[in-house]
Amino acid sequence: MICDPLVRRLLVGFSERAREARTLGFDEAMKDMISKLHGEVKAFRERAPKDPAIRLVLPPGYDPNGTRPVPY
């Protein structure tokens, strides 16, 4: 049992605050990762047509110049 009143006050609500901090950290990491992924995809799309080592095989009916979804 925790007898120190200061320690007891610090622990009240700790679980909720810790969960909120983890969620915020995860959300920020996901946003950062998605942003970097979009940058890498853009760079790949620019690099791929010029790089002889990259050969894209597109499925029948696929239009590479079609409308792309807007990134978040």
Protein backbone atom coordinates (compact mmCIF):
# COMPACT_ATOMS: atom_id res chain seq x y z
CA MET A 1 0.00 0.00 0.00
CA ILE A 2 1.27 3.48 -0.89
CA CYS A 3 1.28 5.71 2.18
CA ASP A 4 2.96 8.82 0.80
CA PRO A 5 0.16 11.27 -0.14
CA LEU A 6 2.29 12.94 -2.83
CA VAL A 7 2.94 9.62 -4.56
CA ARG A 8 -0.74 8.74 -4.25
CA ARG A 9 -1.77 12.05 -5.92
CA LEU A 10 0.73 11.50 -8.73
CA LEU A 11 -0.66 8.04 -9.46
CA VAL A 12 -4.30 9.16 -9.61
CA GLY A 13 -5.27 9.18 -13.27
CA PHE A 14 -1.85 7.92 -14.38
CA SER A 15 -3.31 5.10 -16.42
CA GLU A 16 -5.52 7.46 -18.42
CA ARG A 17 -2.73 10.01 -18.97
CA ALA A 18 -0.32 7.28 -20.04
CA ARG A 19 -2.86 5.86 -22.49
CA GLU A 20 -3.50 9.32 -23.95
CA ALA A 21 0.24 9.91 -24.34
CA ARG A 22 0.72 6.55 -26.08
CA THR A 23 -2.20 7.25 -28.42
CA LEU A 24 -0.88 10.72 -29.24
CA GLY A 25 2.59 9.32 -29.90
CA PHE A 26 1.19 6.59 -32.13
CA ASP A 27 -0.94 9.09 -34.08
CA GLU A 28 2.05 11.38 -34.63
CA ALA A 29 4.23 8.47 -35.73
CA MET A 30 1.57 7.29 -38.21
CA LYS A 31 1.18 10.77 -39.70
CA ASP A 32 4.95 11.06 -40.07
CA MET A 33 5.22 7.61 -41.62
CA ILE A 34 2.39 8.26 -44.10
CA SER A 35 3.92 11.59 -45.09
CA LYS A 36 7.30 9.94 -45.73
CA LEU A 37 5.64 7.10 -47.63
CA HIS A 38 3.89 9.56 -49.96
CA GLY A 39 7.22 11.29 -50.57
CA GLU A 40 8.92 8.00 -51.41
CA VAL A 41 6.08 6.95 -53.73
CA LYS A 42 6.31 10.30 -55.54
CA ALA A 43 10.09 9.94 -55.89
CA PHE A 44 9.67 6.37 -57.16
CA ARG A 45 7.10 7.46 -59.76
CA GLU A 46 9.53 10.08 -61.01
CA ARG A 47 12.52 7.72 -60.97
CA ALA A 48 10.92 4.55 -62.35
CA PRO A 49 10.44 5.59 -66.00
CA LYS A 50 14.12 6.65 -66.24
CA ASP A 51 15.68 3.67 -64.44
CA PRO A 52 16.33 0.68 -66.72
CA ALA A 53 16.55 -1.60 -63.67
CA ILE A 54 12.89 -0.96 -62.89
CA ARG A 55 10.33 -2.67 -65.08
CA LEU A 56 6.70 -1.99 -64.27
CA VAL A 57 4.19 -4.59 -65.36
CA LEU A 58 0.75 -3.04 -65.21
CA PRO A 59 -2.44 -5.10 -65.11
CA PRO A 60 -4.65 -5.04 -68.20
CA GLY A 61 -6.91 -1.98 -68.24
CA TYR A 62 -4.84 -0.07 -65.68
CA ASP A 63 -4.31 3.58 -66.58
CA PRO A 64 -1.20 4.96 -64.85
CA ASN A 65 -2.33 8.48 -65.74
CA GLY A 66 -5.73 8.00 -64.13
CA THR A 67 -6.94 9.99 -61.15
CA ARG A 68 -5.12 9.15 -57.94
CA PRO A 69 -6.61 9.55 -54.48
CA VAL A 70 -5.53 12.66 -52.63
CA PRO A 71 -3.05 11.84 -49.84
CA TYR A 72 -4.01 12.67 -46.28
